[in-house]
Amino acid sequence: MIFALKWNPVYFINFFFTVNNPFFYGKLLNTFEYFYFPIAIVSFFKKSF
C-alpha cells in the first residue's frame, strides 16, 4: 500500500477514505483496490471530462 503511493497518487484517495470512514470505504477499497479501484477512477474521469 505504502509503496504504491510513490508511483500512483490515486492510492492517496484510498488512504483518505480509509482514515475518514474505515468501516465502509476502508474495507471496500482495501479489498478491491488492486483490480477495481483503478478502474473506477478511470471510468470516473472519463465520465467527468
PDB file of N, CA and C in Angstrom:
ATOM      1  N   MET A   1       0.837  -1.196   0.000  1.00  0.00           N
ATOM      2  CA  MET A   1       0.000   0.000   0.000  1.00  0.00           C
ATOM      3  C   MET A   1       0.879   1.254   0.000  1.00  0.00           C
ATOM      4  N   ILE A   2       1.849   1.281   0.885  1.00  0.00           N
ATOM      5  CA  ILE A   2       2.686   2.474   1.031  1.00  0.00           C
ATOM      6  C   ILE A   2       3.566   2.670  -0.199  1.00  0.00           C
ATOM      7  N   PHE A   3       4.109   1.582  -0.729  1.00  0.00           N
ATOM      8  CA  PHE A   3       4.992   1.708  -1.887  1.00  0.00           C
ATOM      9  C   PHE A   3       4.226   2.191  -3.114  1.00  0.00           C
ATOM     10  N   ALA A   4       2.917   1.941  -3.137  1.00  0.00           N
ATOM     11  CA  ALA A   4       2.114   2.378  -4.280  1.00  0.00           C
ATOM     12  C   ALA A   4       1.982   3.900  -4.309  1.00  0.00           C
ATOM     13  N   LEU A   5       2.105   4.540  -3.157  1.00  0.00           N
ATOM     14  CA  LEU A   5       1.973   5.989  -3.110  1.00  0.00           C
ATOM     15  C   LEU A   5       3.099   6.682  -3.869  1.00  0.00           C
ATOM     16  N   LYS A   6       4.234   5.993  -4.012  1.00  0.00           N
ATOM     17  CA  LYS A   6       5.382   6.620  -4.664  1.00  0.00           C
ATOM     18  C   LYS A   6       5.165   6.783  -6.157  1.00  0.00           C
ATOM     19  N   TRP A   7       4.375   5.881  -6.772  1.00  0.00           N
ATOM     20  CA  TRP A   7       4.205   5.938  -8.226  1.00  0.00           C
ATOM     21  C   TRP A   7       2.758   6.115  -8.641  1.00  0.00           C
ATOM     22  N   ASN A   8       1.828   5.969  -7.707  1.00  0.00           N
ATOM     23  CA  ASN A   8       0.414   6.096  -8.066  1.00  0.00           C
ATOM     24  C   ASN A   8      -0.301   6.957  -7.027  1.00  0.00           C
ATOM     25  N   PRO A   9      -0.457   8.261  -7.300  1.00  0.00           N
ATOM     26  CA  PRO A   9      -1.109   9.159  -6.334  1.00  0.00           C
ATOM     27  C   PRO A   9      -2.580   8.831  -6.110  1.00  0.00           C
ATOM     28  N   VAL A  10      -3.150   7.991  -6.987  1.00  0.00           N
ATOM     29  CA  VAL A  10      -4.551   7.608  -6.822  1.00  0.00           C
ATOM     30  C   VAL A  10      -4.764   6.905  -5.486  1.00  0.00           C
ATOM     31  N   TYR A  11      -3.741   6.167  -5.024  1.00  0.00           N
ATOM     32  CA  TYR A  11      -3.890   5.414  -3.784  1.00  0.00           C
ATOM     33  C   TYR A  11      -3.951   6.328  -2.563  1.00  0.00           C
ATOM     34  N   PHE A  12      -3.575   7.597  -2.742  1.00  0.00           N
ATOM     35  CA  PHE A  12      -3.743   8.550  -1.644  1.00  0.00           C
ATOM     36  C   PHE A  12      -5.220   8.733  -1.322  1.00  0.00           C
ATOM     37  N   ILE A  13      -6.062   8.679  -2.376  1.00  0.00           N
ATOM     38  CA  ILE A  13      -7.508   8.791  -2.175  1.00  0.00           C
ATOM     39  C   ILE A  13      -8.012   7.595  -1.370  1.00  0.00           C
ATOM     40  N   ASN A  14      -7.466   6.422  -1.672  1.00  0.00           N
ATOM     41  CA  ASN A  14      -7.845   5.220  -0.924  1.00  0.00           C
ATOM     42  C   ASN A  14      -7.479   5.386   0.547  1.00  0.00           C
ATOM     43  N   PHE A  15      -6.289   5.920   0.808  1.00  0.00           N
ATOM     44  CA  PHE A  15      -5.852   6.156   2.178  1.00  0.00           C
ATOM     45  C   PHE A  15      -6.738   7.186   2.865  1.00  0.00           C
ATOM     46  N   PHE A  16      -7.154   8.211   2.106  1.00  0.00           N
ATOM     47  CA  PHE A  16      -8.013   9.256   2.647  1.00  0.00           C
ATOM     48  C   PHE A  16      -9.352   8.678   3.106  1.00  0.00           C
ATOM     49  N   PHE A  17      -9.967   7.849   2.241  1.00  0.00           N
ATOM     50  CA  PHE A  17     -11.249   7.251   2.601  1.00  0.00           C
ATOM     51  C   PHE A  17     -11.091   6.261   3.758  1.00  0.00           C
ATOM     52  N   THR A  18      -9.970   5.555   3.796  1.00  0.00           N
ATOM     53  CA  THR A  18      -9.749   4.581   4.857  1.00  0.00           C
ATOM     54  C   THR A  18      -9.662   5.275   6.215  1.00  0.00           C
ATOM     55  N   VAL A  19      -9.030   6.441   6.242  1.00  0.00           N
ATOM     56  CA  VAL A  19      -8.876   7.169   7.501  1.00  0.00           C
ATOM     57  C   VAL A  19     -10.209   7.785   7.935  1.00  0.00           C
ATOM     58  N   ASN A  20     -10.956   8.326   6.964  1.00  0.00           N
ATOM     59  CA  ASN A  20     -12.175   9.049   7.312  1.00  0.00           C
ATOM     60  C   ASN A  20     -13.350   8.113   7.595  1.00  0.00           C
ATOM     61  N   ASN A  21     -13.429   6.986   6.881  1.00  0.00           N
ATOM     62  CA  ASN A  21     -14.544   6.065   7.088  1.00  0.00           C
ATOM     63  C   ASN A  21     -14.037   4.620   6.953  1.00  0.00           C
ATOM     64  N   PRO A  22     -13.327   4.117   7.957  1.00  0.00           N
ATOM     65  CA  PRO A  22     -12.700   2.793   7.859  1.00  0.00           C
ATOM     66  C   PRO A  22     -13.694   1.647   7.873  1.00  0.00           C
ATOM     67  N   PHE A  23     -14.936   1.918   8.290  1.00  0.00           N
ATOM     68  CA  PHE A  23     -15.902   0.826   8.391  1.00  0.00           C
ATOM     69  C   PHE A  23     -16.517   0.469   7.050  1.00  0.00           C
ATOM     70  N   PHE A  24     -16.522   1.434   6.112  1.00  0.00           N
ATOM     71  CA  PHE A  24     -17.124   1.164   4.805  1.00  0.00           C
ATOM     72  C   PHE A  24     -16.104   1.307   3.684  1.00  0.00           C
ATOM     73  N   TYR A  25     -15.624   2.547   3.462  1.00  0.00           N
ATOM     74  CA  TYR A  25     -14.698   2.791   2.360  1.00  0.00           C
ATOM     75  C   TYR A  25     -13.401   2.015   2.548  1.00  0.00           C
ATOM     76  N   GLY A  26     -12.901   1.981   3.788  1.00  0.00           N
ATOM     77  CA  GLY A  26     -11.642   1.289   4.040  1.00  0.00           C
ATOM     78  C   GLY A  26     -11.708  -0.182   3.682  1.00  0.00           C
ATOM     79  N   LYS A  27     -12.759  -0.863   4.140  1.00  0.00           N
ATOM     80  CA  LYS A  27     -12.879  -2.295   3.867  1.00  0.00           C
ATOM     81  C   LYS A  27     -13.138  -2.545   2.390  1.00  0.00           C
ATOM     82  N   LEU A  28     -13.969  -1.693   1.776  1.00  0.00           N
ATOM     83  CA  LEU A  28     -14.311  -1.885   0.376  1.00  0.00           C
ATOM     84  C   LEU A  28     -13.094  -1.671  -0.523  1.00  0.00           C
ATOM     85  N   LEU A  29     -12.395  -0.543  -0.330  1.00  0.00           N
ATOM     86  CA  LEU A  29     -11.276  -0.216  -1.208  1.00  0.00           C
ATOM     87  C   LEU A  29     -10.069  -1.105  -0.936  1.00  0.00           C
ATOM     88  N   ASN A  30      -9.857  -1.486   0.313  1.00  0.00           N
ATOM     89  CA  ASN A  30      -8.727  -2.360   0.616  1.00  0.00           C
ATOM     90  C   ASN A  30      -8.933  -3.757   0.038  1.00  0.00           C
ATOM     91  N   THR A  31     -10.194  -4.132  -0.167  1.00  0.00           N
ATOM     92  CA  THR A  31     -10.479  -5.450  -0.721  1.00  0.00           C
ATOM     93  C   THR A  31     -10.328  -5.461  -2.234  1.00  0.00           C
ATOM     94  N   PHE A  32     -10.730  -4.364  -2.880  1.00  0.00           N
ATOM     95  CA  PHE A  32     -10.769  -4.338  -4.346  1.00  0.00           C
ATOM     96  C   PHE A  32      -9.775  -3.345  -4.955  1.00  0.00           C
ATOM     97  N   GLU A  33      -8.840  -2.844  -4.135  1.00  0.00           N
ATOM     98  CA  GLU A  33      -8.023  -1.731  -4.609  1.00  0.00           C
ATOM     99  C   GLU A  33      -7.156  -2.121  -5.807  1.00  0.00           C
ATOM    100  N   TYR A  34      -6.684  -3.337  -5.861  1.00  0.00           N
ATOM    101  CA  TYR A  34      -5.705  -3.679  -6.887  1.00  0.00           C
ATOM    102  C   TYR A  34      -6.326  -4.022  -8.232  1.00  0.00           C
ATOM    103  N   PHE A  35      -7.634  -4.257  -8.264  1.00  0.00           N
ATOM    104  CA  PHE A  35      -8.232  -4.618  -9.555  1.00  0.00           C
ATOM    105  C   PHE A  35      -9.567  -3.920  -9.812  1.00  0.00           C
ATOM    106  N   TYR A  36     -10.099  -3.168  -8.848  1.00  0.00           N
ATOM    107  CA  TYR A  36     -11.346  -2.457  -9.085  1.00  0.00           C
ATOM    108  C   TYR A  36     -11.179  -0.940  -8.948  1.00  0.00           C
ATOM    109  N   PHE A  37     -10.492  -0.507  -7.925  1.00  0.00           N
ATOM    110  CA  PHE A  37     -10.367   0.920  -7.645  1.00  0.00           C
ATOM    111  C   PHE A  37      -9.722   1.705  -8.786  1.00  0.00           C
ATOM    112  N   PRO A  38      -8.633   1.227  -9.383  1.00  0.00           N
ATOM    113  CA  PRO A  38      -8.072   1.955 -10.540  1.00  0.00           C
ATOM    114  C   PRO A  38      -9.052   2.051 -11.697  1.00  0.00           C
ATOM    115  N   ILE A  39      -9.821   1.003 -11.919  1.00  0.00           N
ATOM    116  CA  ILE A  39     -10.812   1.023 -12.999  1.00  0.00           C
ATOM    117  C   ILE A  39     -11.906   2.032 -12.684  1.00  0.00           C
ATOM    118  N   ALA A  40     -12.294   2.115 -11.427  1.00  0.00           N
ATOM    119  CA  ALA A  40     -13.339   3.060 -11.037  1.00  0.00           C
ATOM    120  C   ALA A  40     -12.873   4.499 -11.239  1.00  0.00           C
ATOM    121  N   ILE A  41     -11.608   4.761 -10.933  1.00  0.00           N
ATOM    122  CA  ILE A  41     -11.064   6.111 -11.111  1.00  0.00           C
ATOM    123  C   ILE A  41     -11.029   6.485 -12.588  1.00  0.00           C
ATOM    124  N   VAL A  42     -10.597   5.540 -13.430  1.00  0.00           N
ATOM    125  CA  VAL A  42     -10.527   5.809 -14.864  1.00  0.00           C
ATOM    126  C   VAL A  42     -11.914   6.073 -15.431  1.00  0.00           C
ATOM    127  N   SER A  43     -12.877   5.253 -15.046  1.00  0.00           N
ATOM    128  CA  SER A  43     -14.242   5.443 -15.546  1.00  0.00           C
ATOM    129  C   SER A  43     -14.830   6.749 -15.017  1.00  0.00           C
ATOM    130  N   PHE A  44     -14.444   7.141 -13.808  1.00  0.00           N
ATOM    131  CA  PHE A  44     -14.940   8.384 -13.232  1.00  0.00           C
ATOM    132  C   PHE A  44     -14.456   9.588 -14.033  1.00  0.00           C
ATOM    133  N   PHE A  45     -13.153   9.581 -14.378  1.00  0.00           N
ATOM    134  CA  PHE A  45     -12.611  10.702 -15.132  1.00  0.00           C
ATOM    135  C   PHE A  45     -13.139  10.722 -16.559  1.00  0.00           C
ATOM    136  N   LYS A  46     -13.423   9.550 -17.107  1.00  0.00           N
ATOM    137  CA  LYS A  46     -13.975   9.512 -18.460  1.00  0.00           C
ATOM    138  C   LYS A  46     -15.381  10.116 -18.488  1.00  0.00           C
ATOM    139  N   LYS A  47     -16.149   9.907 -17.423  1.00  0.00           N
ATOM    140  CA  LYS A  47     -17.498  10.470 -17.370  1.00  0.00           C
ATOM    141  C   LYS A  47     -17.459  11.964 -17.055  1.00  0.00           C
ATOM    142  N   SER A  48     -16.456  12.378 -16.294  1.00  0.00           N
ATOM    143  CA  SER A  48     -16.395  13.775 -15.875  1.00  0.00           C
ATOM    144  C   SER A  48     -15.930  14.685 -17.003  1.00  0.00           C
ATOM    145  N   PHE A  49     -14.958  14.234 -17.793  1.00  0.00           N
ATOM    146  CA  PHE A  49     -14.375  15.101 -18.817  1.00  0.00           C
ATOM    147  C   PHE A  49     -14.792  14.650 -20.204  1.00  0.00           C
TER     148      PHE A  49
END
